[in-house]
PDB file of all heavy atoms in Angstrom:
ATOM      1  N   ASP A   1     -54.602  36.454  59.631  1.00  0.00           N
ATOM      2  CA  ASP A   1     -54.221  36.522  58.231  1.00  0.00           C
ATOM      3  C   ASP A   1     -53.530  35.224  57.763  1.00  0.00           C
ATOM      4  O   ASP A   1     -52.722  35.253  56.871  1.00  0.00           O
ATOM      5  CB  ASP A   1     -53.303  37.690  57.997  1.00  0.00           C
ATOM      6  CG  ASP A   1     -53.983  39.036  58.143  1.00  0.00           C
ATOM      7  OD1 ASP A   1     -55.187  39.106  57.829  1.00  0.00           O
ATOM      8  OD2 ASP A   1     -53.376  39.992  58.652  1.00  0.00           O
ATOM      9  N   HIS A   2     -53.964  34.089  58.325  1.00  0.00           N
ATOM     10  CA  HIS A   2     -53.371  32.807  57.988  1.00  0.00           C
ATOM     11  C   HIS A   2     -54.488  31.819  57.546  1.00  0.00           C
ATOM     12  O   HIS A   2     -55.589  31.841  58.097  1.00  0.00           O
ATOM     13  CB  HIS A   2     -52.621  32.198  59.158  1.00  0.00           C
ATOM     14  CG  HIS A   2     -51.352  32.929  59.475  1.00  0.00           C
ATOM     15  ND1 HIS A   2     -51.347  34.106  60.188  1.00  0.00           N
ATOM     16  CD2 HIS A   2     -50.067  32.689  59.187  1.00  0.00           C
ATOM     17  CE1 HIS A   2     -50.107  34.544  60.337  1.00  0.00           C
ATOM     18  NE2 HIS A   2     -49.345  33.689  59.714  1.00  0.00           N
ATOM     19  N   GLN A   3     -54.191  31.008  56.577  1.00  0.00           N
ATOM     20  CA  GLN A   3     -55.016  29.888  56.150  1.00  0.00           C
ATOM     21  C   GLN A   3     -54.537  28.650  56.869  1.00  0.00           C
ATOM     22  O   GLN A   3     -53.389  28.299  56.774  1.00  0.00           O
ATOM     23  CB  GLN A   3     -54.916  29.771  54.618  1.00  0.00           C
ATOM     24  CG  GLN A   3     -55.844  28.729  54.020  1.00  0.00           C
ATOM     25  CD  GLN A   3     -55.619  28.627  52.516  1.00  0.00           C
ATOM     26  OE1 GLN A   3     -54.606  28.988  52.016  1.00  0.00           O
ATOM     27  NE2 GLN A   3     -56.617  28.091  51.808  1.00  0.00           N
ATOM     28  N   VAL A   4     -55.457  27.985  57.552  1.00  0.00           N
ATOM     29  CA  VAL A   4     -55.076  26.864  58.410  1.00  0.00           C
ATOM     30  C   VAL A   4     -55.821  25.605  57.943  1.00  0.00           C
ATOM     31  O   VAL A   4     -57.056  25.555  57.972  1.00  0.00           O
ATOM     32  CB  VAL A   4     -55.373  27.176  59.905  1.00  0.00           C
ATOM     33  CG1 VAL A   4     -54.927  25.986  60.790  1.00  0.00           C
ATOM     34  CG2 VAL A   4     -54.734  28.462  60.347  1.00  0.00           C
ATOM     35  N   VAL A   5     -55.015  24.628  57.567  1.00  0.00           N
ATOM     36  CA  VAL A   5     -55.564  23.281  57.274  1.00  0.00           C
ATOM     37  C   VAL A   5     -55.578  22.469  58.573  1.00  0.00           C
ATOM     38  O   VAL A   5     -54.668  22.564  59.393  1.00  0.00           O
ATOM     39  CB  VAL A   5     -54.646  22.575  56.215  1.00  0.00           C
ATOM     40  CG1 VAL A   5     -55.049  21.120  56.075  1.00  0.00           C
ATOM     41  CG2 VAL A   5     -54.752  23.301  54.877  1.00  0.00           C
ATOM     42  N   GLN A   6     -56.635  21.700  58.731  1.00  0.00           N
ATOM     43  CA  GLN A   6     -56.809  20.915  59.948  1.00  0.00           C
ATOM     44  C   GLN A   6     -57.098  19.459  59.617  1.00  0.00           C
ATOM     45  O   GLN A   6     -57.990  19.196  58.776  1.00  0.00           O
ATOM     46  CB  GLN A   6     -57.980  21.465  60.765  1.00  0.00           C
ATOM     47  CG  GLN A   6     -58.382  20.646  61.968  1.00  0.00           C
ATOM     48  CD  GLN A   6     -59.645  21.180  62.653  1.00  0.00           C
ATOM     49  OE1 GLN A   6     -59.803  22.354  62.782  1.00  0.00           O
ATOM     50  NE2 GLN A   6     -60.519  20.361  63.097  1.00  0.00           N
ATOM     51  N   PHE A   7     -56.395  18.526  60.230  1.00  0.00           N
ATOM     52  CA  PHE A   7     -56.690  17.138  60.193  1.00  0.00           C
ATOM     53  C   PHE A   7     -57.086  16.672  61.617  1.00  0.00           C
ATOM     54  O   PHE A   7     -56.454  17.075  62.577  1.00  0.00           O
ATOM     55  CB  PHE A   7     -55.506  16.329  59.709  1.00  0.00           C
ATOM     56  CG  PHE A   7     -55.063  16.650  58.315  1.00  0.00           C
ATOM     57  CD1 PHE A   7     -54.055  17.544  58.085  1.00  0.00           C
ATOM     58  CD2 PHE A   7     -55.665  16.044  57.217  1.00  0.00           C
ATOM     59  CE1 PHE A   7     -53.653  17.860  56.805  1.00  0.00           C
ATOM     60  CE2 PHE A   7     -55.280  16.331  55.952  1.00  0.00           C
ATOM     61  CZ  PHE A   7     -54.278  17.261  55.718  1.00  0.00           C
ATOM     62  N   ARG A   8     -58.096  15.749  61.667  1.00  0.00           N
ATOM     63  CA  ARG A   8     -58.614  15.398  62.961  1.00  0.00           C
ATOM     64  C   ARG A   8     -58.900  13.892  62.990  1.00  0.00           C
ATOM     65  O   ARG A   8     -59.421  13.315  62.072  1.00  0.00           O
ATOM     66  CB  ARG A   8     -59.948  16.192  63.184  1.00  0.00           C
ATOM     67  CG  ARG A   8     -60.794  15.728  64.299  1.00  0.00           C
ATOM     68  CD  ARG A   8     -61.923  16.742  64.451  1.00  0.00           C
ATOM     69  NE  ARG A   8     -63.009  16.228  65.317  1.00  0.00           N
ATOM     70  CZ  ARG A   8     -63.914  16.972  65.910  1.00  0.00           C
ATOM     71  NH1 ARG A   8     -63.918  18.280  65.771  1.00  0.00           N
ATOM     72  NH2 ARG A   8     -64.868  16.407  66.651  1.00  0.00           N
ATOM     73  N   LEU A   9     -58.429  13.268  64.095  1.00  0.00           N
ATOM     74  CA  LEU A   9     -58.661  11.845  64.349  1.00  0.00           C
ATOM     75  C   LEU A   9     -59.281  11.671  65.754  1.00  0.00           C
ATOM     76  O   LEU A   9     -58.800  12.261  66.727  1.00  0.00           O
ATOM     77  CB  LEU A   9     -57.362  11.062  64.274  1.00  0.00           C
ATOM     78  CG  LEU A   9     -57.005  10.392  62.958  1.00  0.00           C
ATOM     79  CD1 LEU A   9     -55.547   9.886  62.968  1.00  0.00           C
ATOM     80  CD2 LEU A   9     -57.891   9.172  62.670  1.00  0.00           C
ATOM     81  N   ASP A  10     -60.261  10.797  65.787  1.00  0.00           N
ATOM     82  CA  ASP A  10     -60.906  10.452  67.091  1.00  0.00           C
ATOM     83  C   ASP A  10     -60.931   8.936  67.167  1.00  0.00           C
ATOM     84  O   ASP A  10     -61.523   8.270  66.341  1.00  0.00           O
ATOM     85  CB  ASP A  10     -62.342  11.018  67.109  1.00  0.00           C
ATOM     86  CG  ASP A  10     -62.982  10.880  68.481  1.00  0.00           C
ATOM     87  OD1 ASP A  10     -62.259  10.531  69.462  1.00  0.00           O
ATOM     88  OD2 ASP A  10     -64.199  11.088  68.544  1.00  0.00           O
ATOM     89  N   ILE A  11     -60.187   8.356  68.171  1.00  0.00           N
ATOM     90  CA  ILE A  11     -59.986   6.930  68.195  1.00  0.00           C
ATOM     91  C   ILE A  11     -60.110   6.428  69.652  1.00  0.00           C
ATOM     92  O   ILE A  11     -59.737   7.112  70.591  1.00  0.00           O
ATOM     93  CB  ILE A  11     -58.612   6.557  67.595  1.00  0.00           C
ATOM     94  CG1 ILE A  11     -58.435   5.025  67.493  1.00  0.00           C
ATOM     95  CG2 ILE A  11     -57.470   7.182  68.400  1.00  0.00           C
ATOM     96  CD1 ILE A  11     -57.281   4.616  66.604  1.00  0.00           C
ATOM     97  N   ILE A  12     -60.693   5.243  69.822  1.00  0.00           N
ATOM     98  CA  ILE A  12     -60.954   4.710  71.149  1.00  0.00           C
ATOM     99  C   ILE A  12     -59.625   4.451  71.868  1.00  0.00           C
ATOM    100  O   ILE A  12     -58.615   4.069  71.237  1.00  0.00           O
ATOM    101  CB  ILE A  12     -61.783   3.404  71.056  1.00  0.00           C
ATOM    102  CG1 ILE A  12     -62.336   2.973  72.401  1.00  0.00           C
ATOM    103  CG2 ILE A  12     -61.047   2.306  70.340  1.00  0.00           C
ATOM    104  CD1 ILE A  12     -63.404   3.804  72.945  1.00  0.00           C
ATOM    105  N   ASN A  13     -59.664   4.614  73.143  1.00  0.00           N
ATOM    106  CA  ASN A  13     -58.515   4.253  73.971  1.00  0.00           C
ATOM    107  C   ASN A  13     -58.374   2.702  74.087  1.00  0.00           C
ATOM    108  O   ASN A  13     -59.408   2.042  74.293  1.00  0.00           O
ATOM    109  CB  ASN A  13     -58.670   4.866  75.358  1.00  0.00           C
ATOM    110  CG  ASN A  13     -57.471   4.728  76.288  1.00  0.00           C
ATOM    111  OD1 ASN A  13     -56.835   3.632  76.335  1.00  0.00           O
ATOM    112  ND2 ASN A  13     -57.131   5.728  77.000  1.00  0.00           N
ATOM    113  N   ASP A  14     -57.157   2.224  73.920  1.00  0.00           N
ATOM    114  CA  ASP A  14     -56.909   0.796  73.955  1.00  0.00           C
ATOM    115  C   ASP A  14     -57.513   0.113  75.222  1.00  0.00           C
ATOM    116  O   ASP A  14     -57.885  -1.037  75.200  1.00  0.00           O
ATOM    117  CB  ASP A  14     -55.427   0.488  73.934  1.00  0.00           C
ATOM    118  CG  ASP A  14     -54.687   1.174  72.772  1.00  0.00           C
ATOM    119  OD1 ASP A  14     -54.687   2.387  72.695  1.00  0.00           O
ATOM    120  OD2 ASP A  14     -54.142   0.409  71.992  1.00  0.00           O
ATOM    121  N   ARG A  15     -57.599   0.871  76.325  1.00  0.00           N
ATOM    122  CA  ARG A  15     -58.056   0.255  77.613  1.00  0.00           C
ATOM    123  C   ARG A  15     -59.496  -0.216  77.484  1.00  0.00           C
ATOM    124  O   ARG A  15     -59.905  -1.061  78.301  1.00  0.00           O
ATOM    125  CB  ARG A  15     -57.930   1.273  78.726  1.00  0.00           C
ATOM    126  CG  ARG A  15     -56.538   1.660  79.123  1.00  0.00           C
ATOM    127  CD  ARG A  15     -56.453   2.436  80.416  1.00  0.00           C
ATOM    128  NE  ARG A  15     -57.148   3.676  80.330  1.00  0.00           N
ATOM    129  CZ  ARG A  15     -58.216   4.041  81.098  1.00  0.00           C
ATOM    130  NH1 ARG A  15     -58.665   3.207  81.949  1.00  0.00           N
ATOM    131  NH2 ARG A  15     -58.771   5.274  80.953  1.00  0.00           N
ATOM    132  N   PHE A  16     -60.261   0.290  76.538  1.00  0.00           N
ATOM    133  CA  PHE A  16     -61.654  -0.045  76.499  1.00  0.00           C
ATOM    134  C   PHE A  16     -62.010  -1.062  75.395  1.00  0.00           C
ATOM    135  O   PHE A  16     -63.206  -1.338  75.208  1.00  0.00           O
ATOM    136  CB  PHE A  16     -62.486   1.239  76.297  1.00  0.00           C
ATOM    137  CG  PHE A  16     -62.276   2.232  77.413  1.00  0.00           C
ATOM    138  CD1 PHE A  16     -61.388   3.281  77.261  1.00  0.00           C
ATOM    139  CD2 PHE A  16     -62.910   2.049  78.604  1.00  0.00           C
ATOM    140  CE1 PHE A  16     -61.196   4.206  78.320  1.00  0.00           C
ATOM    141  CE2 PHE A  16     -62.732   2.987  79.648  1.00  0.00           C
ATOM    142  CZ  PHE A  16     -61.874   4.038  79.494  1.00  0.00           C
ATOM    143  N   VAL A  17     -61.018  -1.565  74.705  1.00  0.00           N
ATOM    144  CA  VAL A  17     -61.270  -2.592  73.701  1.00  0.00           C
ATOM    145  C   VAL A  17     -60.199  -3.692  73.778  1.00  0.00           C
ATOM    146  O   VAL A  17     -59.137  -3.489  74.396  1.00  0.00           O
ATOM    147  CB  VAL A  17     -61.249  -2.006  72.218  1.00  0.00           C
ATOM    148  CG1 VAL A  17     -62.423  -1.085  72.038  1.00  0.00           C
ATOM    149  CG2 VAL A  17     -59.946  -1.297  71.991  1.00  0.00           C
ATOM    150  N   SER A  18     -60.492  -4.855  73.223  1.00  0.00           N
ATOM    151  CA  SER A  18     -59.518  -5.928  73.208  1.00  0.00           C
ATOM    152  C   SER A  18     -58.759  -5.801  71.859  1.00  0.00           C
ATOM    153  O   SER A  18     -58.978  -6.538  70.873  1.00  0.00           O
ATOM    154  CB  SER A  18     -60.225  -7.284  73.267  1.00  0.00           C
ATOM    155  OG  SER A  18     -60.951  -7.379  74.487  1.00  0.00           O
ATOM    156  N   SER A  19     -57.883  -4.834  71.792  1.00  0.00           N
ATOM    157  CA  SER A  19     -57.179  -4.530  70.547  1.00  0.00           C
ATOM    158  C   SER A  19     -55.830  -5.250  70.491  1.00  0.00           C
ATOM    159  O   SER A  19     -55.070  -5.303  71.468  1.00  0.00           O
ATOM    160  CB  SER A  19     -56.933  -3.035  70.408  1.00  0.00           C
ATOM    161  OG  SER A  19     -56.132  -2.744  69.328  1.00  0.00           O
ATOM    162  N   GLY A  20     -55.534  -5.777  69.305  1.00  0.00           N
ATOM    163  CA  GLY A  20     -54.258  -6.410  69.127  1.00  0.00           C
ATOM    164  C   GLY A  20     -53.232  -5.378  68.591  1.00  0.00           C
ATOM    165  O   GLY A  20     -52.081  -5.771  68.320  1.00  0.00           O
ATOM    166  N   MET A  21     -53.606  -4.149  68.476  1.00  0.00           N
ATOM    167  CA  MET A  21     -52.721  -3.076  68.004  1.00  0.00           C
ATOM    168  C   MET A  21     -52.728  -1.900  68.939  1.00  0.00           C
ATOM    169  O   MET A  21     -53.732  -1.614  69.568  1.00  0.00           O
ATOM    170  CB  MET A  21     -53.153  -2.650  66.596  1.00  0.00           C
ATOM    171  CG  MET A  21     -54.475  -1.962  66.527  1.00  0.00           C
ATOM    172  SD  MET A  21     -54.913  -1.408  64.804  1.00  0.00           S
ATOM    173  CE  MET A  21     -55.575  -2.925  64.127  1.00  0.00           C
ATOM    174  N   PRO A  22     -51.597  -1.259  69.148  1.00  0.00           N
ATOM    175  CA  PRO A  22     -51.523  -0.012  69.935  1.00  0.00           C
ATOM    176  C   PRO A  22     -52.171   1.102  69.157  1.00  0.00           C
ATOM    177  O   PRO A  22     -51.616   1.651  68.219  1.00  0.00           O
ATOM    178  CB  PRO A  22     -50.047   0.219  70.181  1.00  0.00           C
ATOM    179  CG  PRO A  22     -49.365  -0.494  69.039  1.00  0.00           C
ATOM    180  CD  PRO A  22     -50.262  -1.615  68.598  1.00  0.00           C
ATOM    181  N   LEU A  23     -53.372   1.482  69.498  1.00  0.00           N
ATOM    182  CA  LEU A  23     -54.205   2.356  68.670  1.00  0.00           C
ATOM    183  C   LEU A  23     -53.617   3.749  68.512  1.00  0.00           C
ATOM    184  O   LEU A  23     -53.737   4.376  67.471  1.00  0.00           O
ATOM    185  CB  LEU A  23     -55.615   2.388  69.155  1.00  0.00           C
ATOM    186  CG  LEU A  23     -56.374   1.048  69.025  1.00  0.00           C
ATOM    187  CD1 LEU A  23     -57.771   1.129  69.665  1.00  0.00           C
ATOM    188  CD2 LEU A  23     -56.503   0.657  67.558  1.00  0.00           C
ATOM    189  N   LEU A  24     -53.073   4.331  69.563  1.00  0.00           N
ATOM    190  CA  LEU A  24     -52.468   5.628  69.440  1.00  0.00           C
ATOM    191  C   LEU A  24     -51.330   5.650  68.475  1.00  0.00           C
ATOM    192  O   LEU A  24     -51.188   6.521  67.637  1.00  0.00           O
ATOM    193  CB  LEU A  24     -52.014   6.173  70.807  1.00  0.00           C
ATOM    194  CG  LEU A  24     -51.425   7.586  70.792  1.00  0.00           C
ATOM    195  CD1 LEU A  24     -52.423   8.598  70.277  1.00  0.00           C
ATOM    196  CD2 LEU A  24     -50.954   8.009  72.206  1.00  0.00           C
ATOM    197  N   ARG A  25     -50.485   4.589  68.551  1.00  0.00           N
ATOM    198  CA  ARG A  25     -49.376   4.460  67.601  1.00  0.00           C
ATOM    199  C   ARG A  25     -49.929   4.347  66.162  1.00  0.00           C
ATOM    200  O   ARG A  25     -49.410   4.999  65.256  1.00  0.00           O
ATOM    201  CB  ARG A  25     -48.526   3.230  67.908  1.00  0.00           C
ATOM    202  CG  ARG A  25     -47.386   2.996  66.956  1.00  0.00           C
ATOM    203  CD  ARG A  25     -46.594   1.717  67.293  1.00  0.00           C
ATOM    204  NE  ARG A  25     -45.982   1.833  68.625  1.00  0.00           N
ATOM    205  CZ  ARG A  25     -44.812   2.367  68.874  1.00  0.00           C
ATOM    206  NH1 ARG A  25     -44.072   2.863  67.844  1.00  0.00           N
ATOM    207  NH2 ARG A  25     -44.279   2.399  70.073  1.00  0.00           N
ATOM    208  N   GLU A  26     -50.975   3.536  65.974  1.00  0.00           N
ATOM    209  CA  GLU A  26     -51.544   3.362  64.656  1.00  0.00           C
ATOM    210  C   GLU A  26     -52.116   4.686  64.119  1.00  0.00           C
ATOM    211  O   GLU A  26     -51.938   5.012  62.943  1.00  0.00           O
ATOM    212  CB  GLU A  26     -52.646   2.301  64.688  1.00  0.00           C
ATOM    213  CG  GLU A  26     -52.104   0.899  64.943  1.00  0.00           C
ATOM    214  CD  GLU A  26     -51.380   0.290  63.711  1.00  0.00           C
ATOM    215  OE1 GLU A  26     -51.821   0.503  62.588  1.00  0.00           O
ATOM    216  OE2 GLU A  26     -50.319  -0.301  63.949  1.00  0.00           O
ATOM    217  N   ALA A  27     -52.781   5.372  65.017  1.00  0.00           N
ATOM    218  CA  ALA A  27     -53.417   6.643  64.592  1.00  0.00           C
ATOM    219  C   ALA A  27     -52.383   7.696  64.172  1.00  0.00           C
ATOM    220  O   ALA A  27     -52.539   8.374  63.159  1.00  0.00           O
ATOM    221  CB  ALA A  27     -54.262   7.207  65.770  1.00  0.00           C
ATOM    222  N   LEU A  28     -51.330   7.877  64.969  1.00  0.00           N
ATOM    223  CA  LEU A  28     -50.342   8.884  64.615  1.00  0.00           C
ATOM    224  C   LEU A  28     -49.521   8.448  63.414  1.00  0.00           C
ATOM    225  O   LEU A  28     -49.140   9.289  62.594  1.00  0.00           O
ATOM    226  CB  LEU A  28     -49.405   9.067  65.832  1.00  0.00           C
ATOM    227  CG  LEU A  28     -50.027   9.849  66.974  1.00  0.00           C
ATOM    228  CD1 LEU A  28     -49.169   9.844  68.254  1.00  0.00           C
ATOM    229  CD2 LEU A  28     -50.412  11.260  66.590  1.00  0.00           C
ATOM    230  N   ALA A  29     -49.274   7.129  63.198  1.00  0.00           N
ATOM    231  CA  ALA A  29     -48.609   6.642  62.016  1.00  0.00           C
ATOM    232  C   ALA A  29     -49.452   6.937  60.786  1.00  0.00           C
ATOM    233  O   ALA A  29     -48.919   7.369  59.748  1.00  0.00           O
ATOM    234  CB  ALA A  29     -48.315   5.158  62.161  1.00  0.00           C
ATOM    235  N   LEU A  30     -50.791   6.708  60.899  1.00  0.00           N
ATOM    236  CA  LEU A  30     -51.648   7.001  59.767  1.00  0.00           C
ATOM    237  C   LEU A  30     -51.710   8.476  59.434  1.00  0.00           C
ATOM    238  O   LEU A  30     -51.635   8.887  58.308  1.00  0.00           O
ATOM    239  CB  LEU A  30     -53.050   6.499  60.052  1.00  0.00           C
ATOM    240  CG  LEU A  30     -54.097   6.643  58.952  1.00  0.00           C
ATOM    241  CD1 LEU A  30     -53.637   5.892  57.718  1.00  0.00           C
ATOM    242  CD2 LEU A  30     -55.470   6.179  59.382  1.00  0.00           C
ATOM    243  N   LEU A  31     -51.802   9.312  60.477  1.00  0.00           N
ATOM    244  CA  LEU A  31     -51.824  10.764  60.288  1.00  0.00           C
ATOM    245  C   LEU A  31     -50.474  11.232  59.642  1.00  0.00           C
ATOM    246  O   LEU A  31     -50.506  12.109  58.753  1.00  0.00           O
ATOM    247  CB  LEU A  31     -52.056  11.445  61.618  1.00  0.00           C
ATOM    248  CG  LEU A  31     -52.191  13.009  61.494  1.00  0.00           C
ATOM    249  CD1 LEU A  31     -53.310  13.428  60.601  1.00  0.00           C
ATOM    250  CD2 LEU A  31     -52.432  13.599  62.925  1.00  0.00           C
ATOM    251  N   GLY A  32     -49.404  10.682  60.084  1.00  0.00           N
ATOM    252  CA  GLY A  32     -48.094  10.983  59.495  1.00  0.00           C
ATOM    253  C   GLY A  32     -48.089  10.666  58.019  1.00  0.00           C
ATOM    254  O   GLY A  32     -47.493  11.426  57.225  1.00  0.00           O
ATOM    255  N   GLU A  33     -48.633   9.517  57.660  1.00  0.00           N
ATOM    256  CA  GLU A  33     -48.713   9.119  56.239  1.00  0.00           C
ATOM    257  C   GLU A  33     -49.602  10.070  55.440  1.00  0.00           C
ATOM    258  O   GLU A  33     -49.301  10.456  54.301  1.00  0.00           O
ATOM    259  CB  GLU A  33     -49.229   7.714  56.069  1.00  0.00           C
ATOM    260  CG  GLU A  33     -48.136   6.630  56.088  1.00  0.00           C
ATOM    261  CD  GLU A  33     -48.438   5.432  55.228  1.00  0.00           C
ATOM    262  OE1 GLU A  33     -49.040   5.546  54.199  1.00  0.00           O
ATOM    263  OE2 GLU A  33     -48.092   4.357  55.653  1.00  0.00           O
ATOM    264  N   VAL A  34     -50.763  10.374  55.962  1.00  0.00           N
ATOM    265  CA  VAL A  34     -51.655  11.340  55.285  1.00  0.00           C
ATOM    266  C   VAL A  34     -50.941  12.593  54.976  1.00  0.00           C
ATOM    267  O   VAL A  34     -51.050  13.151  53.865  1.00  0.00           O
ATOM    268  CB  VAL A  34     -52.939  11.589  56.120  1.00  0.00           C
ATOM    269  CG1 VAL A  34     -53.751  12.760  55.546  1.00  0.00           C
ATOM    270  CG2 VAL A  34     -53.798  10.349  56.216  1.00  0.00           C
ATOM    271  N   LEU A  35     -50.177  13.131  55.899  1.00  0.00           N
ATOM    272  CA  LEU A  35     -49.545  14.392  55.709  1.00  0.00           C
ATOM    273  C   LEU A  35     -48.303  14.305  54.867  1.00  0.00           C
ATOM    274  O   LEU A  35     -48.085  15.165  54.009  1.00  0.00           O
ATOM    275  CB  LEU A  35     -49.169  15.020  57.101  1.00  0.00           C
ATOM    276  CG  LEU A  35     -48.520  16.388  57.016  1.00  0.00           C
ATOM    277  CD1 LEU A  35     -49.532  17.425  56.610  1.00  0.00           C
ATOM    278  CD2 LEU A  35     -47.885  16.783  58.404  1.00  0.00           C
ATOM    279  N   THR A  36     -47.484  13.310  55.080  1.00  0.00           N
ATOM    280  CA  THR A  36     -46.157  13.320  54.461  1.00  0.00           C
ATOM    281  C   THR A  36     -45.853  12.170  53.524  1.00  0.00           C
ATOM    282  O   THR A  36     -44.773  12.151  52.905  1.00  0.00           O
ATOM    283  CB  THR A  36     -45.023  13.333  55.584  1.00  0.00           C
ATOM    284  OG1 THR A  36     -45.113  12.120  56.372  1.00  0.00           O
ATOM    285  CG2 THR A  36     -45.238  14.529  56.457  1.00  0.00           C
ATOM    286  N   ALA A  37     -46.759  11.238  53.331  1.00  0.00           N
ATOM    287  CA  ALA A  37     -46.556  10.133  52.383  1.00  0.00           C
ATOM    288  C   ALA A  37     -47.876   9.872  51.637  1.00  0.00           C
ATOM    289  O   ALA A  37     -48.461   8.772  51.728  1.00  0.00           O
ATOM    290  CB  ALA A  37     -46.088   8.874  53.136  1.00  0.00           C
ATOM    291  N   PRO A  38     -48.311  10.844  50.875  1.00  0.00           N
ATOM    292  CA  PRO A  38     -49.593  10.683  50.149  1.00  0.00           C
ATOM    293  C   PRO A  38     -49.519   9.730  48.959  1.00  0.00           C
ATOM    294  O   PRO A  38     -48.396   9.408  48.491  1.00  0.00           O
ATOM    295  CB  PRO A  38     -49.907  12.134  49.621  1.00  0.00           C
ATOM    296  CG  PRO A  38     -48.566  12.723  49.500  1.00  0.00           C
ATOM    297  CD  PRO A  38     -47.691  12.169  50.576  1.00  0.00           C
ATOM    298  N   ALA A  39     -50.649   9.266  48.480  1.00  0.00           N
ATOM    299  CA  ALA A  39     -50.725   8.434  47.327  1.00  0.00           C
ATOM    300  C   ALA A  39     -50.239   9.254  46.105  1.00  0.00           C
ATOM    301  O   ALA A  39     -50.710  10.383  45.906  1.00  0.00           O
ATOM    302  CB  ALA A  39     -52.106   7.908  47.060  1.00  0.00           C
ATOM    303  N   LEU A  40     -49.312   8.699  45.322  1.00  0.00           N
ATOM    304  CA  LEU A  40     -48.779   9.415  44.130  1.00  0.00           C
ATOM    305  C   LEU A  40     -48.835   8.479  42.910  1.00  0.00           C
ATOM    306  O   LEU A  40     -48.916   7.283  43.006  1.00  0.00           O
ATOM    307  CB  LEU A  40     -47.297   9.775  44.406  1.00  0.00           C
ATOM    308  CG  LEU A  40     -46.995  10.688  45.620  1.00  0.00           C
ATOM    309  CD1 LEU A  40     -45.468  10.916  45.701  1.00  0.00           C
ATOM    310  CD2 LEU A  40     -47.725  12.037  45.495  1.00  0.00           C
ATOM    311  N   GLU A  41     -48.818   9.116  41.775  1.00  0.00           N
ATOM    312  CA  GLU A  41     -48.660   8.475  40.445  1.00  0.00           C
ATOM    313  C   GLU A  41     -47.614   9.244  39.674  1.00  0.00           C
ATOM    314  O   GLU A  41     -47.764  10.477  39.455  1.00  0.00           O
ATOM    315  CB  GLU A  41     -50.000   8.479  39.679  1.00  0.00           C
ATOM    316  CG  GLU A  41     -51.044   7.519  40.181  1.00  0.00           C
ATOM    317  CD  GLU A  41     -52.337   7.598  39.374  1.00  0.00           C
ATOM    318  OE1 GLU A  41     -52.450   8.523  38.523  1.00  0.00           O
ATOM    319  OE2 GLU A  41     -53.219   6.775  39.570  1.00  0.00           O
ATOM    320  N   ASP A  42     -46.528   8.549  39.276  1.00  0.00           N
ATOM    321  CA  ASP A  42     -45.477   9.182  38.449  1.00  0.00           C
ATOM    322  C   ASP A  42     -44.919  10.452  39.120  1.00  0.00           C
ATOM    323  O   ASP A  42     -44.655  11.475  38.457  1.00  0.00           O
ATOM    324  CB  ASP A  42     -45.989   9.488  37.068  1.00  0.00           C
ATOM    325  CG  ASP A  42     -46.490   8.235  36.302  1.00  0.00           C
ATOM    326  OD1 ASP A  42     -45.877   7.159  36.504  1.00  0.00           O
ATOM    327  OD2 ASP A  42     -47.517   8.378  35.579  1.00  0.00           O
ATOM    328  N   GLY A  43     -44.749  10.363  40.408  1.00  0.00           N
ATOM    329  CA  GLY A  43     -44.099  11.521  41.148  1.00  0.00           C
ATOM    330  C   GLY A  43     -45.023  12.687  41.343  1.00  0.00           C
ATOM    331  O   GLY A  43     -44.522  13.804  41.616  1.00  0.00           O
ATOM    332  N   ARG A  44     -46.291  12.532  41.282  1.00  0.00           N
ATOM    333  CA  ARG A  44     -47.261  13.635  41.485  1.00  0.00           C
ATOM    334  C   ARG A  44     -48.538  13.038  42.066  1.00  0.00           C
ATOM    335  O   ARG A  44     -48.641  11.822  42.197  1.00  0.00           O
ATOM    336  CB  ARG A  44     -47.562  14.348  40.141  1.00  0.00           C
ATOM    337  CG  ARG A  44     -48.221  13.474  39.129  1.00  0.00           C
ATOM    338  CD  ARG A  44     -48.339  14.163  37.814  1.00  0.00           C
ATOM    339  NE  ARG A  44     -49.035  13.314  36.827  1.00  0.00           N
ATOM    340  CZ  ARG A  44     -49.276  13.707  35.591  1.00  0.00           C
ATOM    341  NH1 ARG A  44     -48.870  14.889  35.156  1.00  0.00           N
ATOM    342  NH2 ARG A  44     -49.918  12.891  34.733  1.00  0.00           N
ATOM    343  N   PHE A  45     -49.424  13.937  42.458  1.00  0.00           N
ATOM    344  CA  PHE A  45     -50.697  13.441  43.034  1.00  0.00           C
ATOM    345  C   PHE A  45     -51.447  12.609  42.023  1.00  0.00           C
ATOM    346  O   PHE A  45     -51.299  12.713  40.824  1.00  0.00           O
ATOM    347  CB  PHE A  45     -51.587  14.615  43.478  1.00  0.00           C
ATOM    348  CG  PHE A  45     -51.177  15.243  44.788  1.00  0.00           C
ATOM    349  CD1 PHE A  45     -51.041  16.631  44.923  1.00  0.00           C
ATOM    350  CD2 PHE A  45     -50.957  14.474  45.923  1.00  0.00           C
ATOM    351  CE1 PHE A  45     -50.643  17.184  46.112  1.00  0.00           C
ATOM    352  CE2 PHE A  45     -50.561  15.063  47.110  1.00  0.00           C
ATOM    353  CZ  PHE A  45     -50.427  16.409  47.221  1.00  0.00           C
ATOM    354  N   THR A  46     -52.260  11.725  42.569  1.00  0.00           N
ATOM    355  CA  THR A  46     -53.138  10.881  41.732  1.00  0.00           C
ATOM    356  C   THR A  46     -54.184  11.800  41.057  1.00  0.00           C
ATOM    357  O   THR A  46     -54.949  12.438  41.693  1.00  0.00           O
ATOM    358  CB  THR A  46     -53.852   9.822  42.577  1.00  0.00           C
ATOM    359  OG1 THR A  46     -52.884   9.035  43.292  1.00  0.00           O
ATOM    360  CG2 THR A  46     -54.692   8.889  41.693  1.00  0.00           C
TER     361      THR A  46
END
């Protein structure tokens, strides 16, 4: 009896690429923004 929203990210492990960024950190930071820091206009959704 619950409505469940789902967000999903699939990202390569740093060990397999020559990345200058820690990809897991970047992915979780982005997901955190999507959930809790959305794009706004005048204090409301765009």
